[in-house]
Amino acid sequence: MDKNKQTEANKKWQAKNKERAKYLSDRSRARSFIRNQATVEDVEELRQLLEKREELLNNQAPTIK
């Protein structure tokens, strides 16, 4: 596929899937921060936040997608 056509297709998909596109972007930025910039203190704080989030998600009723 031509580069411009692919770019247009990507833009069209993102416009139709704003919530999913934002989720994927946020996830990518979080992973990049952890891999490339996080300090030991950041990692410790993130670990605590992840534990709390995991506990919250495990205690919620299952949702059907």
PDB file of N, CA and C in Angstrom:
ATOM      1  N   MET A   1       0.855  -1.176   0.000  1.00  0.00           N
ATOM      2  CA  MET A   1       0.000   0.000   0.000  1.00  0.00           C
ATOM      3  C   MET A   1       0.900   1.237   0.000  1.00  0.00           C
ATOM      4  N   ASP A   2       0.527   2.212  -0.751  1.00  0.00           N
ATOM      5  CA  ASP A   2       1.256   3.474  -0.822  1.00  0.00           C
ATOM      6  C   ASP A   2       1.298   4.119   0.565  1.00  0.00           C
ATOM      7  N   LYS A   3       2.410   4.785   0.893  1.00  0.00           N
ATOM      8  CA  LYS A   3       2.591   5.392   2.209  1.00  0.00           C
ATOM      9  C   LYS A   3       1.463   6.370   2.528  1.00  0.00           C
ATOM     10  N   ASN A   4       1.105   7.210   1.574  1.00  0.00           N
ATOM     11  CA  ASN A   4       0.026   8.173   1.805  1.00  0.00           C
ATOM     12  C   ASN A   4      -1.318   7.487   2.019  1.00  0.00           C
ATOM     13  N   LYS A   5      -1.563   6.405   1.286  1.00  0.00           N
ATOM     14  CA  LYS A   5      -2.808   5.657   1.458  1.00  0.00           C
ATOM     15  C   LYS A   5      -2.849   5.015   2.840  1.00  0.00           C
ATOM     16  N   GLN A   6      -1.719   4.497   3.285  1.00  0.00           N
ATOM     17  CA  GLN A   6      -1.671   3.881   4.616  1.00  0.00           C
ATOM     18  C   GLN A   6      -1.899   4.931   5.700  1.00  0.00           C
ATOM     19  N   THR A   7      -1.284   6.088   5.539  1.00  0.00           N
ATOM     20  CA  THR A   7      -1.478   7.181   6.493  1.00  0.00           C
ATOM     21  C   THR A   7      -2.940   7.587   6.553  1.00  0.00           C
ATOM     22  N   GLU A   8      -3.562   7.714   5.411  1.00  0.00           N
ATOM     23  CA  GLU A   8      -4.991   8.069   5.362  1.00  0.00           C
ATOM     24  C   GLU A   8      -5.838   6.983   6.007  1.00  0.00           C
ATOM     25  N   ALA A   9      -5.501   5.733   5.742  1.00  0.00           N
ATOM     26  CA  ALA A   9      -6.242   4.626   6.347  1.00  0.00           C
ATOM     27  C   ALA A   9      -6.086   4.650   7.868  1.00  0.00           C
ATOM     28  N   ASN A  10      -4.884   4.947   8.349  1.00  0.00           N
ATOM     29  CA  ASN A  10      -4.655   5.040   9.791  1.00  0.00           C
ATOM     30  C   ASN A  10      -5.482   6.164  10.404  1.00  0.00           C
ATOM     31  N   LYS A  11      -5.485   7.318   9.759  1.00  0.00           N
ATOM     32  CA  LYS A  11      -6.261   8.458  10.257  1.00  0.00           C
ATOM     33  C   LYS A  11      -7.751   8.124  10.292  1.00  0.00           C
ATOM     34  N   LYS A  12      -8.225   7.460   9.268  1.00  0.00           N
ATOM     35  CA  LYS A  12      -9.635   7.080   9.198  1.00  0.00           C
ATOM     36  C   LYS A  12      -9.985   6.114  10.332  1.00  0.00           C
ATOM     37  N   TRP A  13      -9.112   5.122  10.564  1.00  0.00           N
ATOM     38  CA  TRP A  13      -9.341   4.158  11.649  1.00  0.00           C
ATOM     39  C   TRP A  13      -9.361   4.876  12.993  1.00  0.00           C
ATOM     40  N   GLN A  14      -8.391   5.779  13.209  1.00  0.00           N
ATOM     41  CA  GLN A  14      -8.323   6.507  14.477  1.00  0.00           C
ATOM     42  C   GLN A  14      -9.557   7.375  14.698  1.00  0.00           C
ATOM     43  N   ALA A  15     -10.052   7.985  13.636  1.00  0.00           N
ATOM     44  CA  ALA A  15     -11.248   8.814  13.755  1.00  0.00           C
ATOM     45  C   ALA A  15     -12.468   7.967  14.126  1.00  0.00           C
ATOM     46  N   LYS A  16     -12.541   6.756  13.604  1.00  0.00           N
ATOM     47  CA  LYS A  16     -13.667   5.871  13.880  1.00  0.00           C
ATOM     48  C   LYS A  16     -13.531   5.169  15.226  1.00  0.00           C
ATOM     49  N   ASN A  17     -12.307   5.094  15.749  1.00  0.00           N
ATOM     50  CA  ASN A  17     -12.027   4.329  16.968  1.00  0.00           C
ATOM     51  C   ASN A  17     -11.263   5.188  17.982  1.00  0.00           C
ATOM     52  N   LYS A  18     -11.792   6.355  18.284  1.00  0.00           N
ATOM     53  CA  LYS A  18     -11.084   7.317  19.139  1.00  0.00           C
ATOM     54  C   LYS A  18     -10.722   6.738  20.503  1.00  0.00           C
ATOM     55  N   GLU A  19     -11.654   6.073  21.126  1.00  0.00           N
ATOM     56  CA  GLU A  19     -11.400   5.538  22.471  1.00  0.00           C
ATOM     57  C   GLU A  19     -10.301   4.476  22.436  1.00  0.00           C
ATOM     58  N   ARG A  20     -10.365   3.562  21.480  1.00  0.00           N
ATOM     59  CA  ARG A  20      -9.354   2.505  21.361  1.00  0.00           C
ATOM     60  C   ARG A  20      -7.995   3.102  20.995  1.00  0.00           C
ATOM     61  N   ALA A  21      -7.987   4.088  20.096  1.00  0.00           N
ATOM     62  CA  ALA A  21      -6.738   4.731  19.690  1.00  0.00           C
ATOM     63  C   ALA A  21      -6.089   5.432  20.883  1.00  0.00           C
ATOM     64  N   LYS A  22      -6.896   6.096  21.719  1.00  0.00           N
ATOM     65  CA  LYS A  22      -6.359   6.769  22.907  1.00  0.00           C
ATOM     66  C   LYS A  22      -5.787   5.742  23.875  1.00  0.00           C
ATOM     67  N   TYR A  23      -6.508   4.651  24.078  1.00  0.00           N
ATOM     68  CA  TYR A  23      -6.032   3.578  24.958  1.00  0.00           C
ATOM     69  C   TYR A  23      -4.678   3.066  24.488  1.00  0.00           C
ATOM     70  N   LEU A  24      -4.564   2.771  23.201  1.00  0.00           N
ATOM     71  CA  LEU A  24      -3.313   2.238  22.661  1.00  0.00           C
ATOM     72  C   LEU A  24      -2.173   3.248  22.782  1.00  0.00           C
ATOM     73  N   SER A  25      -2.469   4.512  22.555  1.00  0.00           N
ATOM     74  CA  SER A  25      -1.463   5.559  22.677  1.00  0.00           C
ATOM     75  C   SER A  25      -0.998   5.695  24.127  1.00  0.00           C
ATOM     76  N   ASP A  26      -1.948   5.739  25.052  1.00  0.00           N
ATOM     77  CA  ASP A  26      -1.609   5.855  26.472  1.00  0.00           C
ATOM     78  C   ASP A  26      -0.776   4.663  26.941  1.00  0.00           C
ATOM     79  N   ARG A  27      -1.162   3.475  26.531  1.00  0.00           N
ATOM     80  CA  ARG A  27      -0.427   2.261  26.903  1.00  0.00           C
ATOM     81  C   ARG A  27       0.990   2.304  26.371  1.00  0.00           C
ATOM     82  N   SER A  28       1.143   2.731  25.141  1.00  0.00           N
ATOM     83  CA  SER A  28       2.462   2.823  24.521  1.00  0.00           C
ATOM     84  C   SER A  28       3.352   3.822  25.261  1.00  0.00           C
ATOM     85  N   ARG A  29       2.782   4.978  25.613  1.00  0.00           N
ATOM     86  CA  ARG A  29       3.565   5.986  26.329  1.00  0.00           C
ATOM     87  C   ARG A  29       3.966   5.500  27.712  1.00  0.00           C
ATOM     88  N   ALA A  30       3.074   4.786  28.394  1.00  0.00           N
ATOM     89  CA  ALA A  30       3.388   4.258  29.727  1.00  0.00           C
ATOM     90  C   ALA A  30       4.531   3.251  29.647  1.00  0.00           C
ATOM     91  N   ARG A  31       4.456   2.357  28.688  1.00  0.00           N
ATOM     92  CA  ARG A  31       5.515   1.358  28.524  1.00  0.00           C
ATOM     93  C   ARG A  31       6.848   2.015  28.187  1.00  0.00           C
ATOM     94  N   SER A  32       6.806   2.995  27.316  1.00  0.00           N
ATOM     95  CA  SER A  32       8.014   3.703  26.921  1.00  0.00           C
ATOM     96  C   SER A  32       8.635   4.414  28.120  1.00  0.00           C
ATOM     97  N   PHE A  33       7.819   5.068  28.934  1.00  0.00           N
ATOM     98  CA  PHE A  33       8.326   5.743  30.125  1.00  0.00           C
ATOM     99  C   PHE A  33       9.014   4.746  31.053  1.00  0.00           C
ATOM    100  N   ILE A  34       8.363   3.612  31.298  1.00  0.00           N
ATOM    101  CA  ILE A  34       8.928   2.616  32.201  1.00  0.00           C
ATOM    102  C   ILE A  34      10.258   2.089  31.657  1.00  0.00           C
ATOM    103  N   ARG A  35      10.307   1.787  30.372  1.00  0.00           N
ATOM    104  CA  ARG A  35      11.530   1.242  29.774  1.00  0.00           C
ATOM    105  C   ARG A  35      12.675   2.245  29.719  1.00  0.00           C
ATOM    106  N   ASN A  36      12.367   3.514  29.431  1.00  0.00           N
ATOM    107  CA  ASN A  36      13.413   4.458  29.069  1.00  0.00           C
ATOM    108  C   ASN A  36      13.713   5.557  30.075  1.00  0.00           C
ATOM    109  N   GLN A  37      12.798   5.867  30.981  1.00  0.00           N
ATOM    110  CA  GLN A  37      13.012   7.020  31.830  1.00  0.00           C
ATOM    111  C   GLN A  37      12.787   6.785  33.320  1.00  0.00           C
ATOM    112  N   ALA A  38      12.046   5.763  33.690  1.00  0.00           N
ATOM    113  CA  ALA A  38      11.655   5.575  35.085  1.00  0.00           C
ATOM    114  C   ALA A  38      12.877   5.370  35.987  1.00  0.00           C
ATOM    115  N   THR A  39      12.835   6.035  37.133  1.00  0.00           N
ATOM    116  CA  THR A  39      13.864   5.866  38.148  1.00  0.00           C
ATOM    117  C   THR A  39      13.435   4.736  39.083  1.00  0.00           C
ATOM    118  N   VAL A  40      14.301   4.367  39.996  1.00  0.00           N
ATOM    119  CA  VAL A  40      13.950   3.336  40.979  1.00  0.00           C
ATOM    120  C   VAL A  40      12.735   3.782  41.781  1.00  0.00           C
ATOM    121  N   GLU A  41      12.709   5.048  42.147  1.00  0.00           N
ATOM    122  CA  GLU A  41      11.566   5.581  42.898  1.00  0.00           C
ATOM    123  C   GLU A  41      10.282   5.509  42.072  1.00  0.00           C
ATOM    124  N   ASP A  42      10.375   5.830  40.796  1.00  0.00           N
ATOM    125  CA  ASP A  42       9.214   5.722  39.908  1.00  0.00           C
ATOM    126  C   ASP A  42       8.707   4.283  39.852  1.00  0.00           C
ATOM    127  N   VAL A  43       9.621   3.351  39.702  1.00  0.00           N
ATOM    128  CA  VAL A  43       9.245   1.942  39.599  1.00  0.00           C
ATOM    129  C   VAL A  43       8.557   1.477  40.880  1.00  0.00           C
ATOM    130  N   GLU A  44       9.075   1.894  42.025  1.00  0.00           N
ATOM    131  CA  GLU A  44       8.453   1.521  43.295  1.00  0.00           C
ATOM    132  C   GLU A  44       7.034   2.081  43.398  1.00  0.00           C
ATOM    133  N   GLU A  45       6.859   3.352  43.023  1.00  0.00           N
ATOM    134  CA  GLU A  45       5.534   3.958  43.058  1.00  0.00           C
ATOM    135  C   GLU A  45       4.588   3.277  42.071  1.00  0.00           C
ATOM    136  N   LEU A  46       5.077   3.017  40.872  1.00  0.00           N
ATOM    137  CA  LEU A  46       4.245   2.351  39.867  1.00  0.00           C
ATOM    138  C   LEU A  46       3.845   0.952  40.316  1.00  0.00           C
ATOM    139  N   ARG A  47       4.749   0.258  40.974  1.00  0.00           N
ATOM    140  CA  ARG A  47       4.441  -1.090  41.472  1.00  0.00           C
ATOM    141  C   ARG A  47       3.280  -1.023  42.466  1.00  0.00           C
ATOM    142  N   GLN A  48       3.305  -0.034  43.368  1.00  0.00           N
ATOM    143  CA  GLN A  48       2.215   0.120  44.336  1.00  0.00           C
ATOM    144  C   GLN A  48       0.898   0.454  43.631  1.00  0.00           C
ATOM    145  N   LEU A  49       0.969   1.349  42.672  1.00  0.00           N
ATOM    146  CA  LEU A  49      -0.236   1.706  41.921  1.00  0.00           C
ATOM    147  C   LEU A  49      -0.796   0.506  41.164  1.00  0.00           C
ATOM    148  N   LEU A  50       0.084  -0.287  40.577  1.00  0.00           N
ATOM    149  CA  LEU A  50      -0.361  -1.472  39.838  1.00  0.00           C
ATOM    150  C   LEU A  50      -1.006  -2.500  40.758  1.00  0.00           C
ATOM    151  N   GLU A  51      -0.448  -2.679  41.939  1.00  0.00           N
ATOM    152  CA  GLU A  51      -1.033  -3.623  42.898  1.00  0.00           C
ATOM    153  C   GLU A  51      -2.440  -3.187  43.293  1.00  0.00           C
ATOM    154  N   LYS A  52      -2.607  -1.878  43.560  1.00  0.00           N
ATOM    155  CA  LYS A  52      -3.933  -1.371  43.915  1.00  0.00           C
ATOM    156  C   LYS A  52      -4.914  -1.529  42.756  1.00  0.00           C
ATOM    157  N   ARG A  53      -4.457  -1.231  41.551  1.00  0.00           N
ATOM    158  CA  ARG A  53      -5.321  -1.348  40.367  1.00  0.00           C
ATOM    159  C   ARG A  53      -5.720  -2.799  40.131  1.00  0.00           C
ATOM    160  N   GLU A  54      -4.758  -3.705  40.281  1.00  0.00           N
ATOM    161  CA  GLU A  54      -5.045  -5.128  40.087  1.00  0.00           C
ATOM    162  C   GLU A  54      -6.069  -5.614  41.113  1.00  0.00           C
ATOM    163  N   GLU A  55      -5.913  -5.186  42.347  1.00  0.00           N
ATOM    164  CA  GLU A  55      -6.864  -5.569  43.390  1.00  0.00           C
ATOM    165  C   GLU A  55      -8.266  -5.053  43.060  1.00  0.00           C
ATOM    166  N   LEU A  56      -8.339  -3.804  42.611  1.00  0.00           N
ATOM    167  CA  LEU A  56      -9.623  -3.224  42.225  1.00  0.00           C
ATOM    168  C   LEU A  56     -10.270  -4.015  41.089  1.00  0.00           C
ATOM    169  N   LEU A  57      -9.476  -4.328  40.073  1.00  0.00           N
ATOM    170  CA  LEU A  57     -10.019  -5.055  38.925  1.00  0.00           C
ATOM    171  C   LEU A  57     -10.451  -6.467  39.305  1.00  0.00           C
ATOM    172  N   ASN A  58      -9.705  -7.111  40.186  1.00  0.00           N
ATOM    173  CA  ASN A  58     -10.054  -8.471  40.612  1.00  0.00           C
ATOM    174  C   ASN A  58     -11.325  -8.501  41.442  1.00  0.00           C
ATOM    175  N   ASN A  59     -11.642  -7.398  42.109  1.00  0.00           N
ATOM    176  CA  ASN A  59     -12.834  -7.345  42.964  1.00  0.00           C
ATOM    177  C   ASN A  59     -14.081  -6.884  42.216  1.00  0.00           C
ATOM    178  N   GLN A  60     -13.940  -6.441  40.994  1.00  0.00           N
ATOM    179  CA  GLN A  60     -15.096  -6.013  40.210  1.00  0.00           C
ATOM    180  C   GLN A  60     -15.805  -7.225  39.617  1.00  0.00           C
ATOM    181  N   ALA A  61     -17.106  -7.052  39.409  1.00  0.00           N
ATOM    182  CA  ALA A  61     -17.865  -8.095  38.725  1.00  0.00           C
ATOM    183  C   ALA A  61     -17.376  -8.195  37.300  1.00  0.00           C
ATOM    184  N   PRO A  62     -17.302  -9.388  36.742  1.00  0.00           N
ATOM    185  CA  PRO A  62     -16.846  -9.533  35.358  1.00  0.00           C
ATOM    186  C   PRO A  62     -17.787  -8.825  34.393  1.00  0.00           C
ATOM    187  N   THR A  63     -17.193  -8.236  33.367  1.00  0.00           N
ATOM    188  CA  THR A  63     -17.991  -7.553  32.343  1.00  0.00           C
ATOM    189  C   THR A  63     -17.930  -8.339  31.053  1.00  0.00           C
ATOM    190  N   ILE A  64     -18.995  -8.263  30.306  1.00  0.00           N
ATOM    191  CA  ILE A  64     -19.063  -8.948  29.019  1.00  0.00           C
ATOM    192  C   ILE A  64     -18.826  -7.913  27.922  1.00  0.00           C
ATOM    193  N   LYS A  65     -17.902  -8.222  27.038  1.00  0.00           N
ATOM    194  CA  LYS A  65     -17.603  -7.298  25.934  1.00  0.00           C
ATOM    195  C   LYS A  65     -18.272  -7.744  24.680  1.00  0.00           C
TER     196      LYS A  65
END
